[in-house]
PDB file of N, CA and C in Angstrom:
ATOM      1  N   UNK A   1      23.080 -72.247 113.413  1.00  0.00           N
ATOM      2  CA  UNK A   1      22.264 -71.643 114.323  1.00  0.00           C
ATOM      3  C   UNK A   1      23.061 -70.875 115.071  1.00  0.00           C
ATOM      4  N   UNK A   2      24.285 -70.544 114.531  1.00  0.00           N
ATOM      5  CA  UNK A   2      25.430 -69.574 115.276  1.00  0.00           C
ATOM      6  C   UNK A   2      24.818 -68.173 114.860  1.00  0.00           C
ATOM      7  N   UNK A   3      25.095 -67.432 116.193  1.00  0.00           N
ATOM      8  CA  UNK A   3      24.606 -65.926 116.256  1.00  0.00           C
ATOM      9  C   UNK A   3      22.867 -65.979 116.373  1.00  0.00           C
ATOM     10  N   UNK A   4      21.935 -66.961 116.165  1.00  0.00           N
ATOM     11  CA  UNK A   4      20.850 -66.782 116.260  1.00  0.00           C
ATOM     12  C   UNK A   4      20.349 -66.838 118.012  1.00  0.00           C
ATOM     13  N   UNK A   5      19.566 -65.976 118.237  1.00  0.00           N
ATOM     14  CA  UNK A   5      19.320 -66.138 119.706  1.00  0.00           C
ATOM     15  C   UNK A   5      18.293 -67.330 120.054  1.00  0.00           C
ATOM     16  N   UNK A   6      18.191 -67.930 121.028  1.00  0.00           N
ATOM     17  CA  UNK A   6      17.415 -69.184 121.167  1.00  0.00           C
ATOM     18  C   UNK A   6      16.855 -68.783 122.867  1.00  0.00           C
ATOM     19  N   UNK A   7      15.605 -68.821 122.767  1.00  0.00           N
ATOM     20  CA  UNK A   7      14.737 -68.896 124.043  1.00  0.00           C
ATOM     21  C   UNK A   7      14.154 -70.155 124.284  1.00  0.00           C
ATOM     22  N   UNK A   8      14.577 -71.075 125.282  1.00  0.00           N
ATOM     23  CA  UNK A   8      14.149 -72.563 125.387  1.00  0.00           C
ATOM     24  C   UNK A   8      13.545 -72.368 126.772  1.00  0.00           C
ATOM     25  N   UNK A   9      12.780 -73.539 126.948  1.00  0.00           N
ATOM     26  CA  UNK A   9      11.951 -73.578 128.311  1.00  0.00           C
ATOM     27  C   UNK A   9      11.639 -75.069 128.400  1.00  0.00           C
ATOM     28  N   UNK A  10      11.642 -75.333 129.699  1.00  0.00           N
ATOM     29  CA  UNK A  10      11.155 -76.631 130.148  1.00  0.00           C
ATOM     30  C   UNK A  10      10.868 -76.917 131.598  1.00  0.00           C
ATOM     31  N   UNK A  11      10.554 -78.161 132.182  1.00  0.00           N
ATOM     32  CA  UNK A  11      10.624 -78.234 133.472  1.00  0.00           C
ATOM     33  C   UNK A  11      11.685 -78.953 133.860  1.00  0.00           C
ATOM     34  N   UNK A  12      12.258 -78.836 135.169  1.00  0.00           N
ATOM     35  CA  UNK A  12      13.432 -79.710 135.503  1.00  0.00           C
ATOM     36  C   UNK A  12      13.483 -81.279 135.306  1.00  0.00           C
ATOM     37  N   UNK A  13      11.998 -81.850 135.282  1.00  0.00           N
ATOM     38  CA  UNK A  13      12.064 -83.183 134.989  1.00  0.00           C
ATOM     39  C   UNK A  13      12.374 -83.642 133.462  1.00  0.00           C
ATOM     40  N   UNK A  14      12.202 -82.413 132.460  1.00  0.00           N
ATOM     41  CA  UNK A  14      11.858 -82.665 131.035  1.00  0.00           C
ATOM     42  C   UNK A  14      13.453 -82.469 130.588  1.00  0.00           C
ATOM     43  N   UNK A  15      14.428 -83.392 130.826  1.00  0.00           N
ATOM     44  CA  UNK A  15      15.591 -83.616 130.321  1.00  0.00           C
ATOM     45  C   UNK A  15      15.834 -83.327 129.115  1.00  0.00           C
ATOM     46  N   UNK A  16      14.723 -83.785 128.138  1.00  0.00           N
ATOM     47  CA  UNK A  16      15.018 -83.594 126.551  1.00  0.00           C
ATOM     48  C   UNK A  16      15.147 -82.320 125.819  1.00  0.00           C
ATOM     49  N   UNK A  17      14.127 -81.493 126.897  1.00  0.00           N
ATOM     50  CA  UNK A  17      13.998 -80.042 126.267  1.00  0.00           C
ATOM     51  C   UNK A  17      15.395 -79.347 126.346  1.00  0.00           C
ATOM     52  N   UNK A  18      15.953 -79.327 127.691  1.00  0.00           N
ATOM     53  CA  UNK A  18      17.629 -79.107 127.325  1.00  0.00           C
ATOM     54  C   UNK A  18      18.482 -79.765 126.573  1.00  0.00           C
ATOM     55  N   UNK A  19      18.411 -80.828 126.176  1.00  0.00           N
ATOM     56  CA  UNK A  19      19.345 -81.541 125.345  1.00  0.00           C
ATOM     57  C   UNK A  19      19.084 -81.183 123.826  1.00  0.00           C
ATOM     58  N   UNK A  20      17.824 -81.049 123.358  1.00  0.00           N
ATOM     59  CA  UNK A  20      17.692 -80.715 121.775  1.00  0.00           C
ATOM     60  C   UNK A  20      17.519 -79.625 121.671  1.00  0.00           C
ATOM     61  N   UNK A  21      17.551 -78.522 122.586  1.00  0.00           N
ATOM     62  CA  UNK A  21      17.527 -76.842 122.154  1.00  0.00           C
ATOM     63  C   UNK A  21      19.033 -76.220 122.553  1.00  0.00           C
ATOM     64  N   UNK A  22      19.447 -76.638 123.616  1.00  0.00           N
ATOM     65  CA  UNK A  22      20.775 -76.056 124.009  1.00  0.00           C
ATOM     66  C   UNK A  22      21.815 -76.158 123.476  1.00  0.00           C
ATOM     67  N   UNK A  23      22.470 -77.744 123.491  1.00  0.00           N
ATOM     68  CA  UNK A  23      23.505 -78.078 122.962  1.00  0.00           C
ATOM     69  C   UNK A  23      23.917 -77.826 121.577  1.00  0.00           C
ATOM     70  N   UNK A  24      22.912 -77.991 120.705  1.00  0.00           N
ATOM     71  CA  UNK A  24      23.018 -77.483 119.340  1.00  0.00           C
ATOM     72  C   UNK A  24      23.636 -76.056 119.032  1.00  0.00           C
ATOM     73  N   UNK A  25      23.158 -75.403 120.186  1.00  0.00           N
ATOM     74  CA  UNK A  25      23.647 -73.543 119.807  1.00  0.00           C
ATOM     75  C   UNK A  25      24.946 -73.498 120.578  1.00  0.00           C
ATOM     76  N   UNK A  26      25.053 -74.048 121.741  1.00  0.00           N
ATOM     77  CA  UNK A  26      26.622 -73.588 122.347  1.00  0.00           C
ATOM     78  C   UNK A  26      27.745 -74.204 121.971  1.00  0.00           C
ATOM     79  N   UNK A  27      27.271 -75.352 121.111  1.00  0.00           N
ATOM     80  CA  UNK A  27      28.442 -76.195 120.540  1.00  0.00           C
ATOM     81  C   UNK A  27      29.067 -75.360 119.388  1.00  0.00           C
ATOM     82  N   UNK A  28      28.570 -74.450 118.859  1.00  0.00           N
ATOM     83  CA  UNK A  28      28.979 -73.685 117.885  1.00  0.00           C
ATOM     84  C   UNK A  28      30.080 -72.190 118.585  1.00  0.00           C
ATOM     85  N   UNK A  29      30.328 -72.313 119.683  1.00  0.00           N
ATOM     86  CA  UNK A  29      30.975 -71.627 120.614  1.00  0.00           C
ATOM     87  C   UNK A  29      31.971 -72.411 121.178  1.00  0.00           C
ATOM     88  N   UNK A  30      32.280 -73.780 120.667  1.00  0.00           N
ATOM     89  CA  UNK A  30      32.891 -74.581 121.605  1.00  0.00           C
ATOM     90  C   UNK A  30      32.642 -74.994 122.705  1.00  0.00           C
ATOM     91  N   UNK A  31      31.475 -74.849 123.034  1.00  0.00           N
ATOM     92  CA  UNK A  31      30.973 -75.486 124.655  1.00  0.00           C
ATOM     93  C   UNK A  31      29.953 -76.594 124.396  1.00  0.00           C
ATOM     94  N   UNK A  32      30.619 -77.573 124.880  1.00  0.00           N
ATOM     95  CA  UNK A  32      29.777 -78.847 124.866  1.00  0.00           C
ATOM     96  C   UNK A  32      29.088 -79.658 126.035  1.00  0.00           C
ATOM     97  N   UNK A  33      28.781 -78.528 126.932  1.00  0.00           N
ATOM     98  CA  UNK A  33      28.234 -79.097 128.054  1.00  0.00           C
ATOM     99  C   UNK A  33      26.854 -78.477 128.402  1.00  0.00           C
ATOM    100  N   UNK A  34      25.968 -79.037 129.151  1.00  0.00           N
ATOM    101  CA  UNK A  34      24.620 -78.537 129.543  1.00  0.00           C
ATOM    102  C   UNK A  34      25.013 -77.443 130.696  1.00  0.00           C
ATOM    103  N   UNK A  35      23.826 -76.695 130.813  1.00  0.00           N
ATOM    104  CA  UNK A  35      23.935 -75.739 131.735  1.00  0.00           C
ATOM    105  C   UNK A  35      23.818 -76.630 133.224  1.00  0.00           C
ATOM    106  N   UNK A  36      24.255 -75.959 134.302  1.00  0.00           N
ATOM    107  CA  UNK A  36      24.579 -76.836 135.516  1.00  0.00           C
ATOM    108  C   UNK A  36      23.240 -76.678 136.159  1.00  0.00           C
ATOM    109  N   UNK A  37      22.216 -77.477 135.950  1.00  0.00           N
ATOM    110  CA  UNK A  37      20.687 -77.450 136.314  1.00  0.00           C
ATOM    111  C   UNK A  37      20.609 -77.497 137.648  1.00  0.00           C
ATOM    112  N   UNK A  38      20.075 -77.119 138.482  1.00  0.00           N
ATOM    113  CA  UNK A  38      19.829 -77.339 140.072  1.00  0.00           C
ATOM    114  C   UNK A  38      18.398 -77.391 140.192  1.00  0.00           C
ATOM    115  N   UNK A  39      17.532 -78.343 140.780  1.00  0.00           N
ATOM    116  CA  UNK A  39      16.261 -78.327 140.787  1.00  0.00           C
ATOM    117  C   UNK A  39      16.182 -77.319 142.085  1.00  0.00           C
ATOM    118  N   UNK A  40      14.615 -76.723 141.740  1.00  0.00           N
ATOM    119  CA  UNK A  40      14.250 -75.474 142.716  1.00  0.00           C
ATOM    120  C   UNK A  40      12.812 -75.705 142.588  1.00  0.00           C
ATOM    121  N   UNK A  41      12.272 -74.840 143.844  1.00  0.00           N
ATOM    122  CA  UNK A  41      10.943 -74.411 143.935  1.00  0.00           C
ATOM    123  C   UNK A  41      10.377 -73.011 142.963  1.00  0.00           C
ATOM    124  N   UNK A  42      11.480 -72.716 142.414  1.00  0.00           N
ATOM    125  CA  UNK A  42      11.120 -71.571 141.816  1.00  0.00           C
ATOM    126  C   UNK A  42      11.662 -71.549 140.340  1.00  0.00           C
ATOM    127  N   UNK A  43      11.432 -70.828 139.538  1.00  0.00           N
ATOM    128  CA  UNK A  43      11.691 -70.667 138.013  1.00  0.00           C
ATOM    129  C   UNK A  43      13.128 -69.763 138.011  1.00  0.00           C
ATOM    130  N   UNK A  44      13.935 -70.647 137.336  1.00  0.00           N
ATOM    131  CA  UNK A  44      15.304 -70.288 137.090  1.00  0.00           C
ATOM    132  C   UNK A  44      15.662 -70.008 135.818  1.00  0.00           C
ATOM    133  N   UNK A  45      16.232 -68.715 135.245  1.00  0.00           N
ATOM    134  CA  UNK A  45      16.886 -68.630 133.935  1.00  0.00           C
ATOM    135  C   UNK A  45      18.253 -68.942 133.878  1.00  0.00           C
ATOM    136  N   UNK A  46      18.515 -69.644 132.974  1.00  0.00           N
ATOM    137  CA  UNK A  46      20.168 -70.002 132.826  1.00  0.00           C
ATOM    138  C   UNK A  46      20.574 -68.762 131.323  1.00  0.00           C
ATOM    139  N   UNK A  47      21.512 -68.382 131.496  1.00  0.00           N
ATOM    140  CA  UNK A  47      21.807 -67.476 130.462  1.00  0.00           C
ATOM    141  C   UNK A  47      23.533 -67.949 129.990  1.00  0.00           C
ATOM    142  N   UNK A  48      23.439 -68.023 128.495  1.00  0.00           N
ATOM    143  CA  UNK A  48      24.885 -68.500 128.180  1.00  0.00           C
ATOM    144  C   UNK A  48      25.417 -67.376 127.320  1.00  0.00           C
ATOM    145  N   UNK A  49      26.628 -67.071 127.832  1.00  0.00           N
ATOM    146  CA  UNK A  49      27.400 -65.905 127.141  1.00  0.00           C
ATOM    147  C   UNK A  49      28.377 -66.655 125.916  1.00  0.00           C
ATOM    148  N   UNK A  50      28.149 -66.220 124.680  1.00  0.00           N
ATOM    149  CA  UNK A  50      28.990 -66.528 123.572  1.00  0.00           C
ATOM    150  C   UNK A  50      30.523 -66.024 123.958  1.00  0.00           C
ATOM    151  N   UNK A  51      30.429 -64.682 124.479  1.00  0.00           N
ATOM    152  CA  UNK A  51      31.725 -64.160 124.843  1.00  0.00           C
ATOM    153  C   UNK A  51      32.874 -64.932 125.649  1.00  0.00           C
ATOM    154  N   UNK A  52      32.171 -65.215 126.987  1.00  0.00           N
ATOM    155  CA  UNK A  52      33.058 -65.606 127.968  1.00  0.00           C
ATOM    156  C   UNK A  52      32.601 -67.544 128.079  1.00  0.00           C
ATOM    157  N   UNK A  53      31.836 -67.950 127.157  1.00  0.00           N
ATOM    158  CA  UNK A  53      31.278 -69.239 127.179  1.00  0.00           C
ATOM    159  C   UNK A  53      30.942 -70.042 128.544  1.00  0.00           C
ATOM    160  N   UNK A  54      30.230 -69.396 129.193  1.00  0.00           N
ATOM    161  CA  UNK A  54      29.883 -69.598 130.503  1.00  0.00           C
ATOM    162  C   UNK A  54      28.416 -69.318 130.700  1.00  0.00           C
ATOM    163  N   UNK A  55      28.005 -70.203 131.603  1.00  0.00           N
ATOM    164  CA  UNK A  55      26.448 -69.982 131.958  1.00  0.00           C
ATOM    165  C   UNK A  55      26.218 -69.380 133.418  1.00  0.00           C
ATOM    166  N   UNK A  56      25.404 -68.599 133.589  1.00  0.00           N
ATOM    167  CA  UNK A  56      25.504 -68.003 134.893  1.00  0.00           C
ATOM    168  C   UNK A  56      23.596 -68.399 134.979  1.00  0.00           C
ATOM    169  N   UNK A  57      22.981 -68.522 136.267  1.00  0.00           N
ATOM    170  CA  UNK A  57      21.806 -68.561 136.589  1.00  0.00           C
ATOM    171  C   UNK A  57      21.308 -67.496 137.287  1.00  0.00           C
ATOM    172  N   UNK A  58      20.240 -67.425 137.325  1.00  0.00           N
ATOM    173  CA  UNK A  58      19.417 -66.409 138.334  1.00  0.00           C
ATOM    174  C   UNK A  58      17.898 -66.717 138.304  1.00  0.00           C
ATOM    175  N   UNK A  59      17.376 -66.600 139.676  1.00  0.00           N
ATOM    176  CA  UNK A  59      16.016 -66.711 139.558  1.00  0.00           C
ATOM    177  C   UNK A  59      14.815 -65.823 138.752  1.00  0.00           C
ATOM    178  N   UNK A  60      13.828 -66.275 138.496  1.00  0.00           N
ATOM    179  CA  UNK A  60      13.044 -65.672 137.529  1.00  0.00           C
ATOM    180  C   UNK A  60      13.185 -65.811 136.118  1.00  0.00           C
ATOM    181  N   UNK A  61      12.429 -64.860 135.588  1.00  0.00           N
ATOM    182  CA  UNK A  61      12.508 -65.056 134.010  1.00  0.00           C
ATOM    183  C   UNK A  61      13.191 -63.733 133.224  1.00  0.00           C
ATOM    184  N   UNK A  62      14.310 -63.869 132.526  1.00  0.00           N
ATOM    185  CA  UNK A  62      15.128 -62.730 132.031  1.00  0.00           C
ATOM    186  C   UNK A  62      14.505 -62.544 130.649  1.00  0.00           C
ATOM    187  N   UNK A  63      14.201 -61.655 130.183  1.00  0.00           N
ATOM    188  CA  UNK A  63      13.554 -61.294 128.630  1.00  0.00           C
ATOM    189  C   UNK A  63      14.560 -60.193 128.162  1.00  0.00           C
ATOM    190  N   UNK A  64      15.323 -59.617 128.955  1.00  0.00           N
ATOM    191  CA  UNK A  64      16.233 -58.586 128.082  1.00  0.00           C
ATOM    192  C   UNK A  64      17.607 -59.164 128.403  1.00  0.00           C
ATOM    193  N   UNK A  65      18.275 -58.317 127.771  1.00  0.00           N
ATOM    194  CA  UNK A  65      19.893 -58.677 127.428  1.00  0.00           C
ATOM    195  C   UNK A  65      20.608 -59.366 126.404  1.00  0.00           C
ATOM    196  N   UNK A  66      21.960 -59.520 126.197  1.00  0.00           N
ATOM    197  CA  UNK A  66      22.123 -59.944 124.920  1.00  0.00           C
ATOM    198  C   UNK A  66      22.867 -61.359 124.893  1.00  0.00           C
ATOM    199  N   UNK A  67      22.510 -62.032 125.834  1.00  0.00           N
ATOM    200  CA  UNK A  67      22.625 -63.758 125.796  1.00  0.00           C
ATOM    201  C   UNK A  67      22.199 -64.445 124.626  1.00  0.00           C
ATOM    202  N   UNK A  68      22.892 -65.356 123.849  1.00  0.00           N
ATOM    203  CA  UNK A  68      22.714 -65.948 123.109  1.00  0.00           C
ATOM    204  C   UNK A  68      21.908 -66.872 122.980  1.00  0.00           C
ATOM    205  N   UNK A  69      21.704 -67.275 124.454  1.00  0.00           N
ATOM    206  CA  UNK A  69      20.838 -68.752 124.869  1.00  0.00           C
ATOM    207  C   UNK A  69      20.193 -68.193 126.240  1.00  0.00           C
ATOM    208  N   UNK A  70      18.456 -68.568 126.257  1.00  0.00           N
ATOM    209  CA  UNK A  70      18.123 -68.202 127.440  1.00  0.00           C
ATOM    210  C   UNK A  70      17.462 -69.478 127.804  1.00  0.00           C
ATOM    211  N   UNK A  71      17.780 -70.345 128.850  1.00  0.00           N
ATOM    212  CA  UNK A  71      17.074 -71.815 129.216  1.00  0.00           C
ATOM    213  C   UNK A  71      16.485 -71.404 130.298  1.00  0.00           C
ATOM    214  N   UNK A  72      15.070 -71.162 130.385  1.00  0.00           N
ATOM    215  CA  UNK A  72      14.012 -71.211 131.516  1.00  0.00           C
ATOM    216  C   UNK A  72      13.601 -72.525 131.745  1.00  0.00           C
ATOM    217  N   UNK A  73      14.042 -72.726 133.148  1.00  0.00           N
ATOM    218  CA  UNK A  73      13.621 -73.980 133.571  1.00  0.00           C
ATOM    219  C   UNK A  73      12.554 -73.697 134.803  1.00  0.00           C
ATOM    220  N   UNK A  74      11.545 -74.338 134.529  1.00  0.00           N
ATOM    221  CA  UNK A  74      10.265 -74.352 135.614  1.00  0.00           C
ATOM    222  C   UNK A  74      10.250 -75.251 136.743  1.00  0.00           C
ATOM    223  N   UNK A  75       9.929 -75.244 137.780  1.00  0.00           N
ATOM    224  CA  UNK A  75       9.946 -76.176 138.817  1.00  0.00           C
ATOM    225  C   UNK A  75       8.802 -77.254 138.193  1.00  0.00           C
ATOM    226  N   UNK A  76       9.304 -78.467 138.930  1.00  0.00           N
ATOM    227  CA  UNK A  76       8.098 -79.768 138.431  1.00  0.00           C
ATOM    228  C   UNK A  76       8.672 -80.851 137.595  1.00  0.00           C
ATOM    229  N   UNK A  77       7.794 -81.693 137.419  1.00  0.00           N
ATOM    230  CA  UNK A  77       8.369 -82.899 136.661  1.00  0.00           C
ATOM    231  C   UNK A  77       7.986 -83.346 135.310  1.00  0.00           C
ATOM    232  N   UNK A  78       6.912 -82.462 134.882  1.00  0.00           N
ATOM    233  CA  UNK A  78       6.159 -82.593 133.813  1.00  0.00           C
ATOM    234  C   UNK A  78       6.600 -81.965 132.513  1.00  0.00           C
ATOM    235  N   UNK A  79       6.262 -82.745 131.660  1.00  0.00           N
ATOM    236  CA  UNK A  79       6.869 -82.001 129.974  1.00  0.00           C
ATOM    237  C   UNK A  79       6.132 -80.726 129.916  1.00  0.00           C
ATOM    238  N   UNK A  80       6.448 -79.823 130.212  1.00  0.00           N
ATOM    239  CA  UNK A  80       5.680 -78.361 130.198  1.00  0.00           C
ATOM    240  C   UNK A  80       6.886 -77.511 129.943  1.00  0.00           C
ATOM    241  N   UNK A  81       6.466 -76.083 129.996  1.00  0.00           N
ATOM    242  CA  UNK A  81       7.207 -75.133 129.679  1.00  0.00           C
ATOM    243  C   UNK A  81       6.660 -74.237 128.609  1.00  0.00           C
ATOM    244  N   UNK A  82       6.021 -74.498 127.684  1.00  0.00           N
ATOM    245  CA  UNK A  82       5.812 -73.626 126.465  1.00  0.00           C
ATOM    246  C   UNK A  82       4.296 -72.851 127.159  1.00  0.00           C
ATOM    247  N   UNK A  83       3.132 -73.344 127.561  1.00  0.00           N
ATOM    248  CA  UNK A  83       2.291 -72.581 128.135  1.00  0.00           C
ATOM    249  C   UNK A  83       2.686 -71.166 129.013  1.00  0.00           C
ATOM    250  N   UNK A  84       3.647 -71.864 129.887  1.00  0.00           N
ATOM    251  CA  UNK A  84       4.107 -70.678 130.676  1.00  0.00           C
ATOM    252  C   UNK A  84       4.787 -69.527 129.901  1.00  0.00           C
ATOM    253  N   UNK A  85       5.861 -69.891 129.238  1.00  0.00           N
ATOM    254  CA  UNK A  85       6.591 -69.172 128.624  1.00  0.00           C
ATOM    255  C   UNK A  85       5.729 -68.123 127.636  1.00  0.00           C
ATOM    256  N   UNK A  86       4.652 -68.794 126.889  1.00  0.00           N
ATOM    257  CA  UNK A  86       3.703 -68.011 125.934  1.00  0.00           C
ATOM    258  C   UNK A  86       2.905 -67.128 126.752  1.00  0.00           C
ATOM    259  N   UNK A  87       2.640 -67.093 127.899  1.00  0.00           N
ATOM    260  CA  UNK A  87       2.028 -66.399 128.510  1.00  0.00           C
ATOM    261  C   UNK A  87       2.786 -65.278 129.279  1.00  0.00           C
ATOM    262  N   UNK A  88       4.024 -65.112 128.782  1.00  0.00           N
ATOM    263  CA  UNK A  88       4.742 -63.933 129.217  1.00  0.00           C
ATOM    264  C   UNK A  88       4.762 -62.813 128.258  1.00  0.00           C
ATOM    265  N   UNK A  89       4.849 -61.609 128.445  1.00  0.00           N
ATOM    266  CA  UNK A  89       4.713 -60.577 127.687  1.00  0.00           C
ATOM    267  C   UNK A  89       6.112 -60.382 127.356  1.00  0.00           C
ATOM    268  N   UNK A  90       7.131 -60.537 128.270  1.00  0.00           N
ATOM    269  CA  UNK A  90       8.516 -60.405 127.968  1.00  0.00           C
ATOM    270  C   UNK A  90       8.891 -61.071 126.967  1.00  0.00           C
ATOM    271  N   UNK A  91       8.497 -62.470 126.901  1.00  0.00           N
ATOM    272  CA  UNK A  91       8.974 -63.514 126.052  1.00  0.00           C
ATOM    273  C   UNK A  91       8.411 -62.983 124.329  1.00  0.00           C
ATOM    274  N   UNK A  92       7.206 -62.420 124.272  1.00  0.00           N
ATOM    275  CA  UNK A  92       6.851 -61.700 123.031  1.00  0.00           C
ATOM    276  C   UNK A  92       7.466 -60.499 122.998  1.00  0.00           C
ATOM    277  N   UNK A  93       8.018 -59.826 123.799  1.00  0.00           N
ATOM    278  CA  UNK A  93       8.872 -58.241 123.223  1.00  0.00           C
ATOM    279  C   UNK A  93      10.069 -59.030 122.894  1.00  0.00           C
ATOM    280  N   UNK A  94      10.604 -59.812 123.468  1.00  0.00           N
ATOM    281  CA  UNK A  94      11.961 -60.389 122.867  1.00  0.00           C
ATOM    282  C   UNK A  94      11.953 -61.129 121.635  1.00  0.00           C
ATOM    283  N   UNK A  95      11.072 -61.895 121.504  1.00  0.00           N
ATOM    284  CA  UNK A  95      10.584 -62.655 119.975  1.00  0.00           C
ATOM    285  C   UNK A  95      10.742 -61.621 119.038  1.00  0.00           C
ATOM    286  N   UNK A  96       9.699 -60.603 119.174  1.00  0.00           N
ATOM    287  CA  UNK A  96       9.828 -59.756 118.210  1.00  0.00           C
ATOM    288  C   UNK A  96      10.648 -58.668 117.898  1.00  0.00           C
ATOM    289  N   UNK A  97      11.592 -58.611 118.770  1.00  0.00           N
ATOM    290  CA  UNK A  97      12.743 -57.532 118.750  1.00  0.00           C
ATOM    291  C   UNK A  97      14.026 -58.344 118.063  1.00  0.00           C
ATOM    292  N   UNK A  98      13.878 -59.636 117.597  1.00  0.00           N
ATOM    293  CA  UNK A  98      14.946 -60.385 116.855  1.00  0.00           C
ATOM    294  C   UNK A  98      14.888 -60.051 115.627  1.00  0.00           C
ATOM    295  N   UNK A  99      16.195 -60.180 114.929  1.00  0.00           N
ATOM    296  CA  UNK A  99      16.242 -59.590 113.472  1.00  0.00           C
ATOM    297  C   UNK A  99      17.428 -60.666 113.279  1.00  0.00           C
ATOM    298  N   UNK A 100      17.482 -60.834 111.807  1.00  0.00           N
ATOM    299  CA  UNK A 100      18.505 -61.931 111.153  1.00  0.00           C
ATOM    300  C   UNK A 100      19.838 -61.440 111.601  1.00  0.00           C
ATOM    301  N   UNK A 101      20.841 -62.061 111.872  1.00  0.00           N
ATOM    302  CA  UNK A 101      22.304 -61.869 112.273  1.00  0.00           C
ATOM    303  C   UNK A 101      22.676 -61.182 110.801  1.00  0.00           C
TER     304      UNK A 101
END
């Protein structure tokens, strides 16, 4: 999965989403930790930079930029995230802009 961009999403209470999609990508860049998630009442996007090997966070959903991993964390405790993500035009724009590395 090296150099393959990933857009992952889940809710704060669904820790399996984070573990199953994020760590396999970041470990390719010698980074073995999950993003520092913070429970919030708003959607937060965590971006991983393969250059600096760091996570940054920002409110809202980011559909542009060059981060290798985007992890969108929705508020709530349920197993969710896909319907919210698939409803975003920015997700589809990002998805169809991807090419093989």
